[in-house]
Protein backbone atom coordinates (compact mmCIF):
# COMPACT_ATOMS: atom_id res chain seq x y z
CA UNK A 1 4.69 51.35 122.52
CA UNK A 2 7.10 49.74 120.04
CA UNK A 3 4.76 46.82 119.39
CA UNK A 4 1.83 49.22 119.01
CA UNK A 5 3.82 51.33 116.55
CA UNK A 6 4.83 48.33 114.46
CA UNK A 7 1.23 47.16 114.41
CA UNK A 8 0.01 50.60 113.25
CA UNK A 9 2.64 50.74 110.50
CA UNK A 10 1.65 47.27 109.30
CA UNK A 11 -2.01 48.25 109.32
CA UNK A 12 -1.30 51.43 107.36
CA UNK A 13 0.75 49.55 104.79
CA UNK A 14 -2.00 47.01 104.33
CA UNK A 15 -5.03 49.27 104.37
CA UNK A 16 -4.11 52.59 102.79
CA UNK A 17 -4.60 52.80 99.04
CA UNK A 18 -3.31 56.34 98.50
CA UNK A 19 -0.06 58.11 99.27
CA UNK A 20 -1.93 60.84 101.13
CA UNK A 21 -3.71 58.39 103.44
CA UNK A 22 -0.50 56.49 104.15
CA UNK A 23 1.55 59.63 104.82
CA UNK A 24 -1.07 61.16 107.11
CA UNK A 25 -0.98 58.06 109.30
CA UNK A 26 2.81 58.20 109.47
CA UNK A 27 2.76 61.92 110.32
CA UNK A 28 0.47 61.20 113.25
CA UNK A 29 2.77 58.45 114.49
CA UNK A 30 5.82 60.69 113.98
CA UNK A 31 4.22 63.38 116.13
CA UNK A 32 3.71 60.89 118.96
CA UNK A 33 7.32 59.67 118.77
CA UNK A 34 9.01 63.09 118.50
CA UNK A 35 6.56 65.11 120.62
CA UNK A 36 6.80 67.90 118.00
CA UNK A 37 4.05 70.39 117.16
CA UNK A 38 4.20 69.86 113.40
CA UNK A 39 5.15 66.96 111.17
CA UNK A 40 5.14 67.25 107.40
CA UNK A 41 6.24 65.80 104.08
CA UNK A 42 7.79 67.99 101.39
CA UNK A 43 8.48 67.57 97.70
CA UNK A 44 11.41 69.29 96.01
CA UNK A 45 10.90 70.71 92.52
CA UNK A 46 14.40 71.11 91.11
CA UNK A 47 13.19 72.69 87.88
CA UNK A 48 11.38 75.49 89.73
CA UNK A 49 13.83 75.66 92.63
CA UNK A 50 10.98 75.25 95.12
CA UNK A 51 10.09 73.07 98.06
CA UNK A 52 6.38 72.27 98.42
CA UNK A 53 4.66 71.19 101.64
CA UNK A 54 2.54 68.25 100.47
CA UNK A 55 0.98 67.03 103.72
CA UNK A 56 1.22 68.43 107.22
CA UNK A 57 -0.06 67.64 110.69
CA UNK A 58 -0.28 70.54 113.16
CA UNK A 59 -1.47 69.96 116.73
CA UNK A 60 -0.53 73.15 118.59
CA UNK A 61 0.16 76.82 117.79
CA UNK A 62 2.74 76.21 115.07
CA UNK A 63 1.12 75.88 111.67
CA UNK A 64 3.00 74.44 108.69
CA UNK A 65 0.49 75.09 105.91
CA UNK A 66 -0.11 72.47 103.25
CA UNK A 67 0.46 73.84 99.78
CA UNK A 68 3.12 76.28 100.98
CA UNK A 69 5.99 76.68 98.53
CA UNK A 70 9.30 78.24 99.51
CA UNK A 71 12.58 78.72 97.64
CA UNK A 72 14.61 75.53 98.04
CA UNK A 73 17.78 77.52 98.73
CA UNK A 74 16.18 79.11 101.82
CA UNK A 75 14.94 75.90 103.44
CA UNK A 76 16.12 74.25 106.61
CA UNK A 77 15.99 70.95 104.72
CA UNK A 78 18.68 72.01 102.29
CA UNK A 79 20.85 73.43 105.08
CA UNK A 80 20.44 70.25 107.11
CA UNK A 81 21.53 68.03 104.20
CA UNK A 82 24.48 70.24 103.28
CA UNK A 83 25.65 70.45 106.90
CA UNK A 84 25.00 66.79 107.67
CA UNK A 85 22.85 67.90 110.60
CA UNK A 86 19.43 66.27 110.71
CA UNK A 87 18.49 67.69 114.11
CA UNK A 88 18.85 70.86 116.14
CA UNK A 89 16.88 72.44 118.94
CA UNK A 90 18.47 75.81 118.27
CA UNK A 91 17.45 76.74 114.73
CA UNK A 92 17.87 80.52 115.28
CA UNK A 93 21.44 79.97 116.44
CA UNK A 94 22.45 77.33 113.89
CA UNK A 95 20.75 78.76 110.78
CA UNK A 96 19.99 82.41 111.56
CA UNK A 97 19.74 83.33 107.86
CA UNK A 98 16.71 81.13 107.09
CA UNK A 99 13.78 83.46 106.43
CA UNK A 100 11.39 80.52 106.12
CA UNK A 101 12.33 79.26 109.59
CA UNK A 102 11.87 82.75 111.04
CA UNK A 103 8.48 83.16 109.40
CA UNK A 104 7.26 79.82 110.74
CA UNK A 105 8.83 80.29 114.20
CA UNK A 106 10.81 77.03 114.15
CA UNK A 107 13.17 76.38 117.07
CA UNK A 108 13.48 72.59 117.09
CA UNK A 109 13.85 70.84 113.77
CA UNK A 110 14.30 67.24 112.62
CA UNK A 111 14.40 66.10 109.00
CA UNK A 112 15.61 63.32 106.75
CA UNK A 113 15.65 63.00 102.96
CA UNK A 114 13.03 60.91 101.19
CA UNK A 115 14.89 59.02 98.48
CA UNK A 116 13.49 56.98 95.64
CA UNK A 117 14.87 53.63 94.56
CA UNK A 118 16.98 55.15 91.81
CA UNK A 119 18.83 57.44 94.22
CA UNK A 120 16.75 60.47 93.31
CA UNK A 121 15.84 62.95 96.03
CA UNK A 122 12.05 63.24 96.22
CA UNK A 123 11.69 65.50 99.24
CA UNK A 124 12.01 65.47 103.00
CA UNK A 125 10.16 64.18 106.03
CA UNK A 126 10.25 66.73 108.83
CA UNK A 127 9.18 67.47 112.40
CA UNK A 128 9.32 70.95 113.93
CA UNK A 129 8.41 72.84 117.06
CA UNK A 130 8.48 76.41 118.32
CA UNK A 131 9.82 75.07 121.65
CA UNK A 132 13.22 73.61 122.36
CA UNK A 133 13.01 69.80 122.61
CA UNK A 134 15.64 67.12 123.10
CA UNK A 135 15.73 64.24 120.62
CA UNK A 136 15.86 60.57 121.48
CA UNK A 137 17.78 58.12 119.35
CA UNK A 138 14.58 56.19 118.87
CA UNK A 139 12.86 59.19 117.30
CA UNK A 140 15.70 59.59 114.84
CA UNK A 141 15.47 55.92 113.90
CA UNK A 142 11.73 56.21 113.40
CA UNK A 143 11.90 59.23 111.09
CA UNK A 144 14.50 57.46 108.92
CA UNK A 145 12.29 54.37 108.78
CA UNK A 146 9.23 56.42 107.85
CA UNK A 147 11.14 58.27 105.13
CA UNK A 148 12.25 54.96 103.66
CA UNK A 149 8.69 53.60 103.73
CA UNK A 150 7.35 56.74 102.03
CA UNK A 151 10.07 56.53 99.37
CA UNK A 152 9.18 52.90 98.68
CA UNK A 153 5.48 53.74 98.51
CA UNK A 154 6.07 56.60 96.05
CA UNK A 155 8.34 54.43 93.90
CA UNK A 156 5.73 51.68 93.90
CA UNK A 157 3.10 54.17 92.71
CA UNK A 158 5.47 55.44 90.04
CA UNK A 159 6.13 51.91 88.82
CA UNK A 160 2.41 51.18 88.71
CA UNK A 161 1.83 54.38 86.73
CA UNK A 162 4.61 53.43 84.33
CA UNK A 163 3.01 50.00 83.89
CA UNK A 164 -0.38 51.60 83.24
CA UNK A 165 1.13 53.94 80.66
CA UNK A 166 2.98 51.07 79.00
CA UNK A 167 -0.21 49.02 78.94
CA UNK A 168 -2.15 51.96 77.49
CA UNK A 169 0.52 52.38 74.82
CA UNK A 170 0.39 48.68 73.94
CA UNK A 171 -3.40 48.81 73.82
CA UNK A 172 -3.27 51.86 71.55
CA UNK A 173 -0.84 50.07 69.23
CA UNK A 174 -3.01 46.96 69.15
CA UNK A 175 -6.03 49.10 68.26
CA UNK A 176 -4.36 51.26 65.60
CA UNK A 177 -3.61 50.63 61.95
CA UNK A 178 0.12 51.17 61.64
CA UNK A 179 0.09 52.69 58.14
CA UNK A 180 -2.79 55.16 58.39
CA UNK A 181 -3.02 55.77 62.13
CA UNK A 182 -6.75 55.04 61.98
CA UNK A 183 -8.44 52.60 64.35
CA UNK A 184 -8.06 49.05 63.03
CA UNK A 185 -10.67 46.34 62.56
CA UNK A 186 -10.39 45.24 66.19
CA UNK A 187 -10.91 48.77 67.46
CA UNK A 188 -13.85 49.41 65.13
CA UNK A 189 -15.71 46.31 66.26
CA UNK A 190 -14.95 47.13 69.91
CA UNK A 191 -16.47 50.61 69.60
CA UNK A 192 -19.44 49.98 67.31
CA UNK A 193 -21.57 48.43 70.11
CA UNK A 194 -21.11 51.61 72.17
CA UNK A 195 -22.29 53.76 69.25
CA UNK A 196 -25.29 51.49 68.69
CA UNK A 197 -26.13 51.58 72.41
CA UNK A 198 -26.03 55.40 72.42
CA UNK A 199 -28.17 55.52 69.30
CA UNK A 200 -30.72 53.12 70.83
CA UNK A 201 -31.08 55.33 73.91
CA UNK A 202 -31.76 58.37 71.73
CA UNK A 203 -33.88 56.31 69.30
CA UNK A 204 -31.67 57.38 66.42
CA UNK A 205 -30.46 55.42 63.43
CA UNK A 206 -26.81 54.64 62.72
CA UNK A 207 -25.41 55.44 59.28
CA UNK A 208 -22.80 52.86 58.36
CA UNK A 209 -20.62 53.32 55.26
CA UNK A 210 -18.40 50.57 53.87
CA UNK A 211 -15.64 51.96 51.62
CA UNK A 212 -13.73 49.95 49.02
CA UNK A 213 -11.07 51.84 47.03
CA UNK A 214 -11.62 51.06 43.35
CA UNK A 215 -8.44 51.04 41.29
CA UNK A 216 -6.10 50.73 44.24
CA UNK A 217 -4.19 47.81 42.67
CA UNK A 218 -3.64 49.87 39.52
CA UNK A 219 -2.22 52.73 41.61
CA UNK A 220 0.20 50.31 43.27
CA UNK A 221 1.21 48.76 39.94
CA UNK A 222 1.63 52.10 38.15
CA UNK A 223 3.30 54.21 40.84
CA UNK A 224 4.78 51.70 43.28
CA UNK A 225 3.86 50.52 46.76
CA UNK A 226 5.21 53.63 48.48
CA UNK A 227 2.81 55.74 46.43
CA UNK A 228 0.07 53.25 47.23
CA UNK A 229 0.78 53.67 50.93
CA UNK A 230 0.70 57.44 50.50
CA UNK A 231 -2.68 57.12 48.80
CA UNK A 232 -4.08 55.09 51.71
CA UNK A 233 -2.77 57.68 54.16
CA UNK A 234 -4.41 60.47 52.14
CA UNK A 235 -7.71 58.58 52.13
CA UNK A 236 -7.44 58.23 55.91
CA UNK A 237 -6.82 61.96 56.25
CA UNK A 238 -9.91 62.78 54.17
CA UNK A 239 -12.02 60.39 56.23
CA UNK A 240 -10.88 62.17 59.39
CA UNK A 241 -11.88 65.50 57.86
CA UNK A 242 -15.27 64.09 56.90
CA UNK A 243 -16.06 62.40 60.21
CA UNK A 244 -17.66 64.13 63.16
CA UNK A 245 -16.14 63.99 66.66
CA UNK A 246 -18.44 61.15 67.75
CA UNK A 247 -18.14 59.13 64.52
CA UNK A 248 -16.27 55.86 64.22
CA UNK A 249 -13.79 55.55 61.38
CA UNK A 250 -11.30 52.78 60.72
CA UNK A 251 -9.35 50.73 58.26
CA UNK A 252 -10.66 47.20 58.10
CA UNK A 253 -7.71 46.01 56.07
CA UNK A 254 -6.22 46.38 52.61
CA UNK A 255 -8.20 49.00 50.72
CA UNK A 256 -11.35 48.72 52.87
CA UNK A 257 -12.46 51.40 55.32
CA UNK A 258 -15.54 52.06 57.40
CA UNK A 259 -17.29 55.05 58.90
CA UNK A 260 -20.27 54.95 61.26
CA UNK A 261 -22.24 57.96 62.43
CA UNK A 262 -25.36 58.75 64.42
CA UNK A 263 -28.16 59.33 61.93
CA UNK A 264 -31.67 60.80 62.05
CA UNK A 265 -34.38 59.65 64.43
CA UNK A 266 -35.45 56.08 63.66
CA UNK A 267 -39.00 57.07 62.74
CA UNK A 268 -37.76 59.89 60.49
CA UNK A 269 -34.97 58.21 58.55
CA UNK A 270 -35.41 57.95 54.80
CA UNK A 271 -33.48 56.91 51.72
CA UNK A 272 -32.72 60.60 51.11
CA UNK A 273 -30.63 60.67 54.29
CA UNK A 274 -28.66 57.63 53.12
CA UNK A 275 -28.10 59.02 49.63
CA UNK A 276 -27.06 62.44 50.94
CA UNK A 277 -24.51 60.88 53.30
CA UNK A 278 -23.22 58.67 50.48
CA UNK A 279 -22.94 61.59 48.02
CA UNK A 280 -21.06 63.74 50.52
CA UNK A 281 -18.64 60.92 51.33
CA UNK A 282 -18.12 60.12 47.63
CA UNK A 283 -17.34 63.77 46.90
CA UNK A 284 -14.82 63.87 49.75
CA UNK A 285 -12.90 60.85 48.48
CA UNK A 286 -13.00 61.71 44.79
CA UNK A 287 -10.50 64.11 43.27
CA UNK A 288 -6.81 64.86 42.97
CA UNK A 289 -4.17 63.13 45.08
CA UNK A 290 -0.46 63.88 45.24
CA UNK A 291 1.57 60.67 45.47
CA UNK A 292 5.31 61.20 45.86
CA UNK A 293 5.51 63.76 43.09
CA UNK A 294 2.77 62.22 40.95
CA UNK A 295 -0.69 63.76 40.69
CA UNK A 296 -3.62 61.45 40.01
CA UNK A 297 -7.28 62.23 39.49
CA UNK A 298 -9.04 59.54 41.49
CA UNK A 299 -12.47 58.59 40.24
CA UNK A 300 -13.78 57.56 43.61
CA UNK A 301 -14.53 54.53 45.76
CA UNK A 302 -17.33 52.00 45.84
CA UNK A 303 -19.56 52.86 48.77
CA UNK A 304 -22.18 50.92 50.63
CA UNK A 305 -24.23 53.06 53.00
CA UNK A 306 -27.11 51.84 55.13
CA UNK A 307 -29.20 53.31 57.94
CA UNK A 308 -29.32 50.73 60.71
CA UNK A 309 -32.00 50.57 63.37
CA UNK A 310 -30.02 49.90 66.58
CA UNK A 311 -33.15 48.49 68.24
CA UNK A 312 -33.43 45.76 65.60
CA UNK A 313 -29.94 45.37 64.12
CA UNK A 314 -26.59 44.36 65.58
CA UNK A 315 -23.34 46.12 64.64
CA UNK A 316 -22.07 42.97 62.90
CA UNK A 317 -25.22 42.71 60.79
CA UNK A 318 -25.08 46.41 59.94
CA UNK A 319 -21.47 46.08 58.70
CA UNK A 320 -22.47 43.00 56.69
CA UNK A 321 -25.37 44.88 55.09
CA UNK A 322 -23.14 47.88 54.31
CA UNK A 323 -20.58 45.51 52.76
CA UNK A 324 -23.27 43.94 50.58
CA UNK A 325 -24.46 47.39 49.55
CA UNK A 326 -20.89 48.29 48.62
CA UNK A 327 -20.64 45.30 46.26
CA UNK A 328 -23.84 46.38 44.56
CA UNK A 329 -22.34 49.85 44.13
CA UNK A 330 -19.13 48.34 42.71
CA UNK A 331 -21.11 46.37 40.11
CA UNK A 332 -23.06 49.49 39.18
CA UNK A 333 -19.88 51.56 38.81
CA UNK A 334 -18.31 48.92 36.56
CA UNK A 335 -21.34 48.98 34.27
CA UNK A 336 -21.22 52.77 34.12
CA UNK A 337 -17.51 52.76 33.28
CA UNK A 338 -18.04 50.25 30.48
C-alpha cells in the first residue's frame, strides 16, 4: 500500500491545478490510512477568532460540514496544539468542555497544524470519528506529511499570486504617465485597436481628438516648472471629467494629449458631430487654472478632431490625421491672435 500511496501523491502533485482538487485527493487518502469517518482541512482566521472548515470528506454517519465556522477558542485543534496532544480516542474524557466536539459527536480525533514557509499557522489537517479507534504510527506520519504538502502548495499559490500582483503593478507603471496618472503613449496605442474593433462591430465612427497645449512653455517660463507640472495635472483632471467611461484618454508626451471616443453611426456621421465634440472639449480645457497660488486664465489648446471610419482607417492613421488637423487649428489660432 505504501508504494500505491506514494504513486497517488505523486500523481496528485503533478496533475492537480487547484488547492481544492489537491486537498480532496489527500483527504481521501488520509481516510484510507486512518480509517476515520471524516477528514478535513481547516483555516484559522485570527482576526475574526474563527476556524473555518474549508474542505471535508465524510463517508459514514459523522458529517463535518464544509463552510462551518466555529470559535477558534472552542476547537479541538487549539486544545490539541496547546496540550501537545495530536491524537486521542477519548475526546469526551480529555476535552469535555468542547461544545464543537459535542455537537459533532467526535470521539476519536487526530490533527496536525498546517504551517506556511514563513512559520505562520494557516490551519489544521484533521481526521475524526464517532467511534473509538486506535492510531498507528504510520497514520501519524502520513497526516504530518500531508499537512506539510498542503502548506507547501498554499505557499506556492501565495507566491504565484504575489508574482502576478507584482507583474500587474509593473505593467500598470509601464502603462501610466508618472506626472498625470493618465495612460501613456504605449497604453493609448495598445488600447486604440480594441476601441476601433468595437466600433467596427457596431458600425460606428471613432472620434479622435489630438490636444496640444498652446502657451505651455510660457507658463513654465513665467511660473516655474512646478506650476507647469500642476497645469498638466489639471489638464489631465479635466480630460477625465470630459471623457466617458469607455473613452480612451492619455498623455502622448510633453504637452500633447489624446482622447478617443465612440462616435455616431458611420453612415450618419457629419462635420457637425466633429465640430460639436471639438467645441465641447475646447470649452472644458479653456478657463481659469490655479497653479501653486497663481491664477491664470488659459486661452485654450489647439485641437485636431476627426471622425474615423474603423472599417477603412487604422488607429495609427486616425491619430496621424488628428495630429495634422491639430496643426491646422494651431495655425488658425495664431492668425486669430495676431
